[in-house]
Amino acid sequence: MSAHEKGFFTEENSVEVVTGRNSEASDERLKQVMEVMTRKLHEAVKEIEPTQDEWMQAIQFLTRTGQMCNEWRQEFILLSDVLGVSMLVDAINNRKPSGASESTVLGPFHVEGAPELEMGANICLDAKGEDMFIQGRILDTAGHPIANAVIDVWQANDEGFYDVQQQGIQPDFNLRGVFRTDADGRYWFRAVKPKFYPIPDDGPVGQLLGQLGRHPYRPAHLHYIIKADGFETLVTHIFDPDDPYINSDAVFGVKESLLAEFRWTHAPDRALSYDFKGDFWDVEHDFVLARIAEKRGSS
């Protein structure tokens, strides 16, 4: 028996036997990953003690999940999302120094090539929804403004749909835009208040949520990708703290630091200057970027 062969398989030595077979793997990282995954999976099976029928149900669930995937839908990513794994991987890979803004998941609806717009432009192209004015500053961790930072923003409309979900109904690049901060690190633009929406729940992941007594909704939010020379790119959202799903986001994307105040505002002079018809939502939120050289801590 070779050194990596650990004997015959038993319930007690299952992990040692299986991982021993991998000892001659050419990729050390793959070997490490498989050792951890095998150990944790075997531990789970020994704790749960599934019946043969239950194990077959699990395999069939994963089979249906794979069959649901195509060029525009990734059901396994959705599964990762609802289990909180996507957010955990994001947190591990985006540990920030103290004071830096937190990240969250990118989401599936980002579109490359959104138009760069003049500061203050209205990204709502179909005039549907409740008017909203968004402003803030992009700063470094010392509180200094970051000029010429690129801000890529996108959001769902007042019915909870992105433009790519309603092609032919919404204009192309509706509720999307790219802006650059001024010398004081300021940004501002006009939009409409977004609405909560469900993740795709017509597949096996949605069925799982239903069986677990969970809803498929994400609370209302705006997406940001913020880039600046010498700084780490920030992929994040801001959330409406009064949204009915703010404490139960289906994909666990909400972080307390990303809650922004959405104020219903009566200011006729401001509304007129923004070309709004009347009262509007007023949102102000600053973001803090970490320099690439800054030491990361745990988030």
C-alpha atoms as a PDB file:
ATOM      1  CA  MET A   1       0.000   0.000   0.000  1.00  0.00           C
ATOM      2  CA  SER A   2       1.419   3.374  -1.015  1.00  0.00           C
ATOM      3  CA  ALA A   3       1.914   6.070   1.592  1.00  0.00           C
ATOM      4  CA  HIS A   4      -1.067   8.043   0.330  1.00  0.00           C
ATOM      5  CA  GLU A   5      -3.377   5.025   0.512  1.00  0.00           C
ATOM      6  CA  LYS A   6      -4.922   5.028   3.977  1.00  0.00           C
ATOM      7  CA  GLY A   7      -6.608   1.657   3.954  1.00  0.00           C
ATOM      8  CA  PHE A   8     -10.154   0.575   3.288  1.00  0.00           C
ATOM      9  CA  PHE A   9     -13.047   2.991   3.644  1.00  0.00           C
ATOM     10  CA  THR A  10     -15.075   2.939   6.878  1.00  0.00           C
ATOM     11  CA  GLU A  11     -17.530   5.381   8.420  1.00  0.00           C
ATOM     12  CA  GLU A  12     -14.941   6.329  11.020  1.00  0.00           C
ATOM     13  CA  ASN A  13     -11.944   6.918   8.727  1.00  0.00           C
ATOM     14  CA  SER A  14     -13.821   8.292   5.690  1.00  0.00           C
ATOM     15  CA  VAL A  15     -12.120  11.697   5.645  1.00  0.00           C
ATOM     16  CA  GLU A  16      -8.611  10.279   6.074  1.00  0.00           C
ATOM     17  CA  VAL A  17      -9.090   7.722   3.296  1.00  0.00           C
ATOM     18  CA  VAL A  18     -10.590  10.151   0.776  1.00  0.00           C
ATOM     19  CA  THR A  19      -8.170  13.027   1.388  1.00  0.00           C
ATOM     20  CA  GLY A  20      -5.239  10.632   1.420  1.00  0.00           C
ATOM     21  CA  ARG A  21      -5.917   9.777  -2.200  1.00  0.00           C
ATOM     22  CA  ASN A  22      -5.336  13.464  -3.061  1.00  0.00           C
ATOM     23  CA  SER A  23      -1.882  13.705  -1.502  1.00  0.00           C
ATOM     24  CA  GLU A  24      -0.102  13.680  -4.858  1.00  0.00           C
ATOM     25  CA  ALA A  25      -2.177  16.491  -6.363  1.00  0.00           C
ATOM     26  CA  SER A  26      -0.084  18.762  -8.581  1.00  0.00           C
ATOM     27  CA  ASP A  27      -1.853  21.929  -7.372  1.00  0.00           C
ATOM     28  CA  GLU A  28      -1.331  22.579  -3.656  1.00  0.00           C
ATOM     29  CA  ARG A  29      -4.197  25.077  -3.454  1.00  0.00           C
ATOM     30  CA  LEU A  30      -6.594  22.559  -5.020  1.00  0.00           C
ATOM     31  CA  LYS A  31      -5.366  19.927  -2.589  1.00  0.00           C
ATOM     32  CA  GLN A  32      -5.993  22.248   0.370  1.00  0.00           C
ATOM     33  CA  VAL A  33      -9.462  23.201  -0.864  1.00  0.00           C
ATOM     34  CA  MET A  34     -10.492  19.601  -1.443  1.00  0.00           C
ATOM     35  CA  GLU A  35      -9.226  18.536   1.983  1.00  0.00           C
ATOM     36  CA  VAL A  36     -11.344  21.202   3.690  1.00  0.00           C
ATOM     37  CA  MET A  37     -14.412  20.603   1.511  1.00  0.00           C
ATOM     38  CA  THR A  38     -14.215  16.829   1.982  1.00  0.00           C
ATOM     39  CA  ARG A  39     -13.821  17.129   5.733  1.00  0.00           C
ATOM     40  CA  LYS A  40     -16.738  19.557   6.117  1.00  0.00           C
ATOM     41  CA  LEU A  41     -19.011  17.579   3.792  1.00  0.00           C
ATOM     42  CA  HIS A  42     -18.316  14.305   5.572  1.00  0.00           C
ATOM     43  CA  GLU A  43     -18.866  16.010   8.938  1.00  0.00           C
ATOM     44  CA  ALA A  44     -22.242  17.277   7.725  1.00  0.00           C
ATOM     45  CA  VAL A  45     -23.308  13.855   6.431  1.00  0.00           C
ATOM     46  CA  LYS A  46     -22.295  12.189   9.702  1.00  0.00           C
ATOM     47  CA  GLU A  47     -24.229  14.773  11.720  1.00  0.00           C
ATOM     48  CA  ILE A  48     -27.363  14.748   9.536  1.00  0.00           C
ATOM     49  CA  GLU A  49     -27.342  11.016   8.748  1.00  0.00           C
ATOM     50  CA  PRO A  50     -29.474  11.406   5.594  1.00  0.00           C
ATOM     51  CA  THR A  51     -31.516   8.516   4.297  1.00  0.00           C
ATOM     52  CA  GLN A  52     -30.767   7.228   0.801  1.00  0.00           C
ATOM     53  CA  ASP A  53     -33.924   8.978  -0.425  1.00  0.00           C
ATOM     54  CA  GLU A  54     -32.908  12.283   1.185  1.00  0.00           C
ATOM     55  CA  TRP A  55     -29.457  12.104  -0.410  1.00  0.00           C
ATOM     56  CA  MET A  56     -31.020  11.435  -3.806  1.00  0.00           C
ATOM     57  CA  GLN A  57     -33.309  14.447  -3.299  1.00  0.00           C
ATOM     58  CA  ALA A  58     -30.212  16.579  -2.653  1.00  0.00           C
ATOM     59  CA  ILE A  59     -28.552  15.295  -5.821  1.00  0.00           C
ATOM     60  CA  GLN A  60     -31.707  15.920  -7.831  1.00  0.00           C
ATOM     61  CA  PHE A  61     -31.917  19.460  -6.427  1.00  0.00           C
ATOM     62  CA  LEU A  62     -28.375  20.189  -7.589  1.00  0.00           C
ATOM     63  CA  THR A  63     -29.146  18.596 -10.956  1.00  0.00           C
ATOM     64  CA  ARG A  64     -32.189  20.866 -11.443  1.00  0.00           C
ATOM     65  CA  THR A  65     -30.107  23.850 -10.359  1.00  0.00           C
ATOM     66  CA  GLY A  66     -27.551  23.123 -13.077  1.00  0.00           C
ATOM     67  CA  GLN A  67     -30.242  22.525 -15.684  1.00  0.00           C
ATOM     68  CA  MET A  68     -31.670  25.997 -14.914  1.00  0.00           C
ATOM     69  CA  CYS A  69     -28.399  27.701 -15.858  1.00  0.00           C
ATOM     70  CA  ASN A  70     -27.963  29.263 -19.289  1.00  0.00           C
ATOM     71  CA  GLU A  71     -26.192  32.231 -20.906  1.00  0.00           C
ATOM     72  CA  TRP A  72     -28.285  34.790 -19.009  1.00  0.00           C
ATOM     73  CA  ARG A  73     -29.169  32.985 -15.778  1.00  0.00           C
ATOM     74  CA  GLN A  74     -26.858  31.383 -13.225  1.00  0.00           C
ATOM     75  CA  GLU A  75     -28.916  29.442 -10.709  1.00  0.00           C
ATOM     76  CA  PHE A  76     -25.821  28.310  -8.798  1.00  0.00           C
ATOM     77  CA  ILE A  77     -24.890  31.953  -8.150  1.00  0.00           C
ATOM     78  CA  LEU A  78     -28.452  32.459  -6.920  1.00  0.00           C
ATOM     79  CA  LEU A  79     -28.019  29.482  -4.590  1.00  0.00           C
ATOM     80  CA  SER A  80     -24.756  30.952  -3.321  1.00  0.00           C
ATOM     81  CA  ASP A  81     -26.564  34.262  -2.779  1.00  0.00           C
ATOM     82  CA  VAL A  82     -29.464  32.927  -0.717  1.00  0.00           C
ATOM     83  CA  LEU A  83     -27.137  30.837   1.444  1.00  0.00           C
ATOM     84  CA  GLY A  84     -25.110  33.950   2.288  1.00  0.00           C
ATOM     85  CA  VAL A  85     -21.983  32.502   0.690  1.00  0.00           C
ATOM     86  CA  SER A  86     -21.706  35.232  -1.959  1.00  0.00           C
ATOM     87  CA  MET A  87     -21.709  37.917   0.722  1.00  0.00           C
ATOM     88  CA  LEU A  88     -19.204  35.979   2.835  1.00  0.00           C
ATOM     89  CA  VAL A  89     -16.795  35.640  -0.122  1.00  0.00           C
ATOM     90  CA  ASP A  90     -17.292  39.353  -0.843  1.00  0.00           C
ATOM     91  CA  ALA A  91     -16.521  40.266   2.773  1.00  0.00           C
ATOM     92  CA  ILE A  92     -13.369  38.130   2.854  1.00  0.00           C
ATOM     93  CA  ASN A  93     -12.083  39.624  -0.387  1.00  0.00           C
ATOM     94  CA  ASN A  94     -12.972  43.218   0.493  1.00  0.00           C
ATOM     95  CA  ARG A  95     -11.659  43.721   3.995  1.00  0.00           C
ATOM     96  CA  LYS A  96     -11.246  47.447   4.492  1.00  0.00           C
ATOM     97  CA  PRO A  97      -9.181  49.692   6.745  1.00  0.00           C
ATOM     98  CA  SER A  98     -11.068  51.493   9.485  1.00  0.00           C
ATOM     99  CA  GLY A  99     -13.395  54.152   8.117  1.00  0.00           C
ATOM    100  CA  ALA A 100     -13.586  52.887   4.547  1.00  0.00           C
ATOM    101  CA  SER A 101     -17.010  52.228   3.037  1.00  0.00           C
ATOM    102  CA  GLU A 102     -18.150  48.635   2.978  1.00  0.00           C
ATOM    103  CA  SER A 103     -18.788  46.661  -0.181  1.00  0.00           C
ATOM    104  CA  THR A 104     -21.665  44.428  -1.135  1.00  0.00           C
ATOM    105  CA  VAL A 105     -22.522  42.122  -4.032  1.00  0.00           C
ATOM    106  CA  LEU A 106     -22.380  43.387  -7.614  1.00  0.00           C
ATOM    107  CA  GLY A 107     -25.660  41.797  -8.656  1.00  0.00           C
ATOM    108  CA  PRO A 108     -26.539  40.464 -12.110  1.00  0.00           C
ATOM    109  CA  PHE A 109     -27.805  43.657 -13.752  1.00  0.00           C
ATOM    110  CA  HIS A 110     -24.695  45.785 -14.225  1.00  0.00           C
ATOM    111  CA  VAL A 111     -24.183  46.820 -17.851  1.00  0.00           C
ATOM    112  CA  GLU A 112     -20.862  47.916 -19.319  1.00  0.00           C
ATOM    113  CA  GLY A 113     -20.843  51.039 -21.452  1.00  0.00           C
ATOM    114  CA  ALA A 114     -23.382  53.188 -19.639  1.00  0.00           C
ATOM    115  CA  PRO A 115     -23.087  56.803 -20.849  1.00  0.00           C
ATOM    116  CA  GLU A 116     -20.922  59.292 -18.991  1.00  0.00           C
ATOM    117  CA  LEU A 117     -23.180  62.182 -18.065  1.00  0.00           C
ATOM    118  CA  GLU A 118     -22.810  65.764 -16.951  1.00  0.00           C
ATOM    119  CA  MET A 119     -22.996  66.134 -13.198  1.00  0.00           C
ATOM    120  CA  GLY A 120     -26.576  66.641 -12.113  1.00  0.00           C
ATOM    121  CA  ALA A 121     -28.088  64.809 -15.088  1.00  0.00           C
ATOM    122  CA  ASN A 122     -31.298  62.840 -14.667  1.00  0.00           C
ATOM    123  CA  ILE A 123     -30.695  59.138 -15.260  1.00  0.00           C
ATOM    124  CA  CYS A 124     -34.448  58.468 -15.483  1.00  0.00           C
ATOM    125  CA  LEU A 125     -35.232  58.585 -19.208  1.00  0.00           C
ATOM    126  CA  ASP A 126     -38.945  57.740 -19.169  1.00  0.00           C
ATOM    127  CA  ALA A 127     -40.168  60.183 -16.477  1.00  0.00           C
ATOM    128  CA  LYS A 128     -41.789  57.369 -14.491  1.00  0.00           C
ATOM    129  CA  GLY A 129     -41.649  57.300 -10.716  1.00  0.00           C
ATOM    130  CA  GLU A 130     -41.165  59.650  -7.796  1.00  0.00           C
ATOM    131  CA  ASP A 131     -38.383  62.180  -8.355  1.00  0.00           C
ATOM    132  CA  MET A 132     -35.209  61.769  -6.326  1.00  0.00           C
ATOM    133  CA  PHE A 133     -32.075  63.864  -5.869  1.00  0.00           C
ATOM    134  CA  ILE A 134     -28.891  62.053  -4.787  1.00  0.00           C
ATOM    135  CA  GLN A 135     -25.696  63.745  -3.652  1.00  0.00           C
ATOM    136  CA  GLY A 136     -22.602  63.143  -1.579  1.00  0.00           C
ATOM    137  CA  ARG A 137     -18.818  63.178  -1.525  1.00  0.00           C
ATOM    138  CA  ILE A 138     -16.104  60.662  -2.293  1.00  0.00           C
ATOM    139  CA  LEU A 139     -13.363  60.867   0.348  1.00  0.00           C
ATOM    140  CA  ASP A 140     -10.230  59.031   1.420  1.00  0.00           C
ATOM    141  CA  THR A 141      -9.862  57.562   4.908  1.00  0.00           C
ATOM    142  CA  ALA A 142      -8.236  60.803   6.112  1.00  0.00           C
ATOM    143  CA  GLY A 143     -11.318  62.779   5.062  1.00  0.00           C
ATOM    144  CA  HIS A 144      -9.749  64.362   1.996  1.00  0.00           C
ATOM    145  CA  PRO A 145     -11.883  64.729  -1.136  1.00  0.00           C
ATOM    146  CA  ILE A 146     -11.115  62.578  -4.159  1.00  0.00           C
ATOM    147  CA  ALA A 147     -11.474  64.550  -7.367  1.00  0.00           C
ATOM    148  CA  ASN A 148     -12.243  62.922 -10.709  1.00  0.00           C
ATOM    149  CA  ALA A 149     -13.465  59.694  -9.133  1.00  0.00           C
ATOM    150  CA  VAL A 150     -15.625  57.725 -11.566  1.00  0.00           C
ATOM    151  CA  ILE A 151     -19.050  56.756 -10.247  1.00  0.00           C
ATOM    152  CA  ASP A 152     -21.060  54.156 -12.157  1.00  0.00           C
ATOM    153  CA  VAL A 153     -24.655  54.058 -10.865  1.00  0.00           C
ATOM    154  CA  TRP A 154     -27.670  51.942 -11.761  1.00  0.00           C
ATOM    155  CA  GLN A 155     -30.985  51.031 -10.190  1.00  0.00           C
ATOM    156  CA  ALA A 156     -34.375  49.393 -10.659  1.00  0.00           C
ATOM    157  CA  ASN A 157     -37.362  51.532 -11.539  1.00  0.00           C
ATOM    158  CA  ASP A 158     -40.459  52.306  -9.487  1.00  0.00           C
ATOM    159  CA  GLU A 159     -41.878  48.874 -10.372  1.00  0.00           C
ATOM    160  CA  GLY A 160     -38.732  46.959  -9.346  1.00  0.00           C
ATOM    161  CA  PHE A 161     -37.393  46.252 -12.854  1.00  0.00           C
ATOM    162  CA  TYR A 162     -34.043  47.075 -14.475  1.00  0.00           C
ATOM    163  CA  ASP A 163     -33.974  48.253 -18.078  1.00  0.00           C
ATOM    164  CA  VAL A 164     -32.458  44.962 -19.283  1.00  0.00           C
ATOM    165  CA  GLN A 165     -35.457  43.128 -17.839  1.00  0.00           C
ATOM    166  CA  GLN A 166     -37.891  45.246 -19.835  1.00  0.00           C
ATOM    167  CA  GLN A 167     -36.268  45.727 -23.216  1.00  0.00           C
ATOM    168  CA  GLY A 168     -38.699  47.501 -25.499  1.00  0.00           C
ATOM    169  CA  ILE A 169     -40.549  48.884 -22.479  1.00  0.00           C
ATOM    170  CA  GLN A 170     -37.833  50.886 -20.745  1.00  0.00           C
ATOM    171  CA  PRO A 171     -35.360  52.931 -22.820  1.00  0.00           C
ATOM    172  CA  ASP A 172     -31.855  51.535 -23.165  1.00  0.00           C
ATOM    173  CA  PHE A 173     -29.621  52.672 -20.287  1.00  0.00           C
ATOM    174  CA  ASN A 174     -32.620  53.876 -18.325  1.00  0.00           C
ATOM    175  CA  LEU A 175     -31.634  54.597 -14.721  1.00  0.00           C
ATOM    176  CA  ARG A 176     -27.930  54.166 -15.470  1.00  0.00           C
ATOM    177  CA  GLY A 177     -25.137  56.679 -15.710  1.00  0.00           C
ATOM    178  CA  VAL A 178     -21.476  57.418 -15.111  1.00  0.00           C
ATOM    179  CA  PHE A 179     -20.336  60.596 -13.343  1.00  0.00           C
ATOM    180  CA  ARG A 180     -17.027  62.135 -12.248  1.00  0.00           C
ATOM    181  CA  THR A 181     -16.575  63.965  -8.974  1.00  0.00           C
ATOM    182  CA  ASP A 182     -15.595  67.633  -8.922  1.00  0.00           C
ATOM    183  CA  ALA A 183     -12.551  69.141  -7.208  1.00  0.00           C
ATOM    184  CA  ASP A 184     -14.261  68.811  -3.809  1.00  0.00           C
ATOM    185  CA  GLY A 185     -15.061  65.149  -4.376  1.00  0.00           C
ATOM    186  CA  ARG A 186     -18.752  65.931  -4.781  1.00  0.00           C
ATOM    187  CA  TYR A 187     -21.270  64.103  -6.918  1.00  0.00           C
ATOM    188  CA  TRP A 188     -24.957  64.710  -7.532  1.00  0.00           C
ATOM    189  CA  PHE A 189     -27.542  63.430  -9.958  1.00  0.00           C
ATOM    190  CA  ARG A 190     -31.276  62.994 -10.377  1.00  0.00           C
ATOM    191  CA  ALA A 191     -33.211  59.733 -10.525  1.00  0.00           C
ATOM    192  CA  VAL A 192     -36.430  58.180  -9.205  1.00  0.00           C
ATOM    193  CA  LYS A 193     -37.009  56.256  -6.012  1.00  0.00           C
ATOM    194  CA  PRO A 194     -36.310  52.540  -6.633  1.00  0.00           C
ATOM    195  CA  LYS A 195     -38.595  49.771  -5.404  1.00  0.00           C
ATOM    196  CA  PHE A 196     -37.943  46.392  -3.808  1.00  0.00           C
ATOM    197  CA  TYR A 197     -38.012  43.430  -6.174  1.00  0.00           C
ATOM    198  CA  PRO A 198     -37.802  39.622  -6.088  1.00  0.00           C
ATOM    199  CA  ILE A 199     -34.801  37.609  -7.176  1.00  0.00           C
ATOM    200  CA  PRO A 200     -35.736  34.953  -9.782  1.00  0.00           C
ATOM    201  CA  ASP A 201     -37.820  32.469  -7.804  1.00  0.00           C
ATOM    202  CA  ASP A 202     -39.277  30.256 -10.525  1.00  0.00           C
ATOM    203  CA  GLY A 203     -36.528  27.635 -10.231  1.00  0.00           C
ATOM    204  CA  PRO A 204     -35.193  25.204  -7.628  1.00  0.00           C
ATOM    205  CA  VAL A 205     -33.658  27.977  -5.516  1.00  0.00           C
ATOM    206  CA  GLY A 206     -36.991  29.785  -5.344  1.00  0.00           C
ATOM    207  CA  GLN A 207     -38.702  26.535  -4.419  1.00  0.00           C
ATOM    208  CA  LEU A 208     -36.145  26.026  -1.655  1.00  0.00           C
ATOM    209  CA  LEU A 209     -36.852  29.512  -0.283  1.00  0.00           C
ATOM    210  CA  GLY A 210     -40.558  28.722  -0.206  1.00  0.00           C
ATOM    211  CA  GLN A 211     -39.965  25.465   1.636  1.00  0.00           C
ATOM    212  CA  LEU A 212     -37.824  27.343   4.155  1.00  0.00           C
ATOM    213  CA  GLY A 213     -40.534  29.946   4.700  1.00  0.00           C
ATOM    214  CA  ARG A 214     -38.403  32.707   3.187  1.00  0.00           C
ATOM    215  CA  HIS A 215     -39.396  35.430   0.729  1.00  0.00           C
ATOM    216  CA  PRO A 216     -37.377  36.214  -2.437  1.00  0.00           C
ATOM    217  CA  TYR A 217     -37.253  40.011  -2.100  1.00  0.00           C
ATOM    218  CA  ARG A 218     -34.368  42.477  -2.095  1.00  0.00           C
ATOM    219  CA  PRO A 219     -35.017  45.860  -0.442  1.00  0.00           C
ATOM    220  CA  ALA A 220     -34.877  49.025  -2.553  1.00  0.00           C
ATOM    221  CA  HIS A 221     -31.338  50.158  -3.322  1.00  0.00           C
ATOM    222  CA  LEU A 222     -29.024  52.027  -5.675  1.00  0.00           C
ATOM    223  CA  HIS A 223     -25.897  50.356  -7.048  1.00  0.00           C
ATOM    224  CA  TYR A 224     -22.494  52.052  -7.161  1.00  0.00           C
ATOM    225  CA  ILE A 225     -19.118  51.163  -8.604  1.00  0.00           C
ATOM    226  CA  ILE A 226     -16.604  53.831  -7.578  1.00  0.00           C
ATOM    227  CA  LYS A 227     -13.105  54.001  -9.055  1.00  0.00           C
ATOM    228  CA  ALA A 228     -10.218  56.424  -8.552  1.00  0.00           C
ATOM    229  CA  ASP A 229      -6.517  56.255  -9.337  1.00  0.00           C
ATOM    230  CA  GLY A 230      -4.547  54.867  -6.412  1.00  0.00           C
ATOM    231  CA  PHE A 231      -7.625  53.564  -4.604  1.00  0.00           C
ATOM    232  CA  GLU A 232      -9.340  50.213  -4.343  1.00  0.00           C
ATOM    233  CA  THR A 233     -12.478  49.957  -6.453  1.00  0.00           C
ATOM    234  CA  LEU A 234     -15.633  49.967  -4.331  1.00  0.00           C
ATOM    235  CA  VAL A 235     -18.654  47.913  -5.409  1.00  0.00           C
ATOM    236  CA  THR A 236     -21.555  48.729  -3.145  1.00  0.00           C
ATOM    237  CA  HIS A 237     -25.194  49.833  -2.703  1.00  0.00           C
ATOM    238  CA  ILE A 238     -27.123  52.304  -0.627  1.00  0.00           C
ATOM    239  CA  PHE A 239     -30.396  51.085   0.873  1.00  0.00           C
ATOM    240  CA  ASP A 240     -33.684  52.626   1.947  1.00  0.00           C
ATOM    241  CA  PRO A 241     -33.862  51.907   5.703  1.00  0.00           C
ATOM    242  CA  ASP A 242     -37.677  52.143   5.658  1.00  0.00           C
ATOM    243  CA  ASP A 243     -38.089  49.429   3.032  1.00  0.00           C
ATOM    244  CA  PRO A 244     -40.305  46.541   4.221  1.00  0.00           C
ATOM    245  CA  TYR A 245     -37.549  44.027   3.408  1.00  0.00           C
ATOM    246  CA  ILE A 246     -34.599  45.955   4.842  1.00  0.00           C
ATOM    247  CA  ASN A 247     -34.072  43.409   7.643  1.00  0.00           C
ATOM    248  CA  SER A 248     -34.594  40.304   5.512  1.00  0.00           C
ATOM    249  CA  ASP A 249     -32.762  40.821   2.200  1.00  0.00           C
ATOM    250  CA  ALA A 250     -32.965  37.503   0.359  1.00  0.00           C
ATOM    251  CA  VAL A 251     -29.244  37.644  -0.502  1.00  0.00           C
ATOM    252  CA  PHE A 252     -27.984  39.199   2.791  1.00  0.00           C
ATOM    253  CA  GLY A 253     -26.556  42.235   0.972  1.00  0.00           C
ATOM    254  CA  VAL A 254     -27.602  44.891   3.499  1.00  0.00           C
ATOM    255  CA  LYS A 255     -25.005  46.336   5.855  1.00  0.00           C
ATOM    256  CA  GLU A 256     -25.862  48.905   8.489  1.00  0.00           C
ATOM    257  CA  SER A 257     -23.276  51.372   7.182  1.00  0.00           C
ATOM    258  CA  LEU A 258     -24.974  51.353   3.769  1.00  0.00           C
ATOM    259  CA  LEU A 259     -28.343  52.589   5.050  1.00  0.00           C
ATOM    260  CA  ALA A 260     -29.026  56.038   3.640  1.00  0.00           C
ATOM    261  CA  GLU A 261     -31.742  58.450   4.726  1.00  0.00           C
ATOM    262  CA  PHE A 262     -34.429  58.881   2.067  1.00  0.00           C
ATOM    263  CA  ARG A 263     -36.201  62.141   2.998  1.00  0.00           C
ATOM    264  CA  TRP A 264     -39.504  63.153   1.388  1.00  0.00           C
ATOM    265  CA  THR A 265     -38.848  66.851   0.813  1.00  0.00           C
ATOM    266  CA  HIS A 266     -41.010  69.905   0.203  1.00  0.00           C
ATOM    267  CA  ALA A 267     -38.698  72.559  -1.255  1.00  0.00           C
ATOM    268  CA  PRO A 268     -40.345  74.335  -4.215  1.00  0.00           C
ATOM    269  CA  ASP A 269     -37.270  76.362  -5.179  1.00  0.00           C
ATOM    270  CA  ARG A 270     -35.015  73.316  -5.212  1.00  0.00           C
ATOM    271  CA  ALA A 271     -37.622  71.272  -7.061  1.00  0.00           C
ATOM    272  CA  LEU A 272     -37.851  73.957  -9.730  1.00  0.00           C
ATOM    273  CA  SER A 273     -34.038  74.055 -10.120  1.00  0.00           C
ATOM    274  CA  TYR A 274     -34.003  70.269 -10.557  1.00  0.00           C
ATOM    275  CA  ASP A 275     -36.877  70.393 -13.058  1.00  0.00           C
ATOM    276  CA  PHE A 276     -39.035  68.333 -10.693  1.00  0.00           C
ATOM    277  CA  LYS A 277     -42.818  68.749 -10.708  1.00  0.00           C
ATOM    278  CA  GLY A 278     -43.195  68.953  -6.946  1.00  0.00           C
ATOM    279  CA  ASP A 279     -42.021  67.262  -3.750  1.00  0.00           C
ATOM    280  CA  PHE A 280     -39.152  64.787  -4.108  1.00  0.00           C
ATOM    281  CA  TRP A 281     -36.956  62.293  -2.306  1.00  0.00           C
ATOM    282  CA  ASP A 282     -33.681  63.752  -1.061  1.00  0.00           C
ATOM    283  CA  VAL A 283     -30.724  61.422  -0.420  1.00  0.00           C
ATOM    284  CA  GLU A 284     -27.207  62.292   0.698  1.00  0.00           C
ATOM    285  CA  HIS A 285     -24.505  59.690   1.214  1.00  0.00           C
ATOM    286  CA  ASP A 286     -20.708  59.913   1.306  1.00  0.00           C
ATOM    287  CA  PHE A 287     -18.342  57.100   0.375  1.00  0.00           C
ATOM    288  CA  VAL A 288     -14.822  56.560   1.695  1.00  0.00           C
ATOM    289  CA  LEU A 289     -12.283  54.763  -0.504  1.00  0.00           C
ATOM    290  CA  ALA A 290      -9.265  52.856   0.766  1.00  0.00           C
ATOM    291  CA  ARG A 291      -5.888  53.502  -0.802  1.00  0.00           C
ATOM    292  CA  ILE A 292      -4.405  50.446  -2.462  1.00  0.00           C
ATOM    293  CA  ALA A 293      -1.412  50.514  -0.111  1.00  0.00           C
ATOM    294  CA  GLU A 294      -3.490  50.785   3.070  1.00  0.00           C
ATOM    295  CA  LYS A 295      -3.465  47.815   5.383  1.00  0.00           C
ATOM    296  CA  ARG A 296      -6.736  45.927   5.433  1.00  0.00           C
ATOM    297  CA  GLY A 297      -8.415  44.854   8.600  1.00  0.00           C
ATOM    298  CA  SER A 298     -11.399  42.630   9.210  1.00  0.00           C
ATOM    299  CA  SER A 299     -14.703  44.135   8.117  1.00  0.00           C
END
